[in-house]
Protein backbone atom coordinates (compact mmCIF):
# COMPACT_ATOMS: atom_id res chain seq x y z
CA MET A 1 -3.28 9.58 -2.08
CA VAL A 2 0.20 8.36 -1.52
CA LEU A 3 0.58 5.62 -3.97
CA TYR A 4 3.62 6.87 -5.85
CA PRO A 5 5.88 7.58 -2.88
CA ARG A 6 5.01 4.16 -1.49
CA SER A 7 5.79 2.41 -4.79
CA VAL A 8 9.10 4.31 -4.92
CA LEU A 9 9.88 3.10 -1.38
CA ALA A 10 9.07 -0.31 -2.15
CA ARG A 11 11.25 -0.45 -5.38
CA PHE A 12 14.38 1.32 -4.02
CA GLN A 13 14.24 0.52 -0.21
CA PRO A 14 12.61 -3.01 -0.21
CA ALA A 15 13.91 -3.98 3.26
CA GLN A 16 12.74 -0.87 4.85
CA TRP A 17 9.45 -1.28 3.18
CA ALA A 18 9.18 -5.03 4.26
CA ARG A 19 9.88 -3.85 7.88
CA HIS A 20 7.07 -1.22 7.79
CA SER A 21 4.53 -3.37 6.07
CA ASN A 22 5.17 -6.35 8.38
CA VAL A 23 1.83 -6.84 10.38
CA ASP A 24 3.58 -8.93 13.08
CA GLY A 25 6.53 -6.35 13.68
CA SER A 26 5.37 -3.00 12.73
CA PRO A 27 2.95 -0.53 14.23
CA HIS A 28 2.73 1.14 10.76
CA ALA A 29 1.50 -1.90 8.95
CA VAL A 30 -2.25 -1.59 9.71
CA PRO A 31 -2.39 1.95 8.93
CA ILE A 32 -0.68 1.12 5.67
CA GLU A 33 -3.09 -1.68 4.94
CA MET A 34 -6.08 0.64 5.76
CA ARG A 35 -4.64 3.34 3.34
CA ASP A 36 -4.14 0.62 0.73
CA HIS A 37 -7.91 -0.36 0.99
CA ALA A 38 -9.14 3.30 0.89
CA ASP A 39 -6.86 4.00 -2.05
CA SER A 40 -8.10 1.05 -3.89
CA GLN A 41 -11.65 2.00 -3.39
CA ALA A 42 -11.03 5.46 -4.76
CA TRP A 43 -9.79 4.18 -8.23
CA PRO A 44 -12.36 2.83 -10.77
CA PRO A 45 -11.75 -0.62 -11.85
CA ALA A 46 -9.12 -1.32 -14.59
CA VAL A 47 -11.66 -3.46 -16.49
CA PRO A 48 -15.20 -2.12 -16.62
CA GLY A 49 -17.62 -4.54 -14.80
CA ALA A 50 -14.63 -6.23 -12.92
CA THR A 51 -14.69 -6.28 -9.21
């Protein structure tokens, strides 16, 4: 999982993160979104019974 490094990038390099996560302008955006979805499926819900 790469949640921590991405959160650091988003916090300390927000312009670079915005460029990479822009679906209309970056070839990296779709793989980032796919990884986000996969990562979110790997973690249990924060509240039991929540979806």
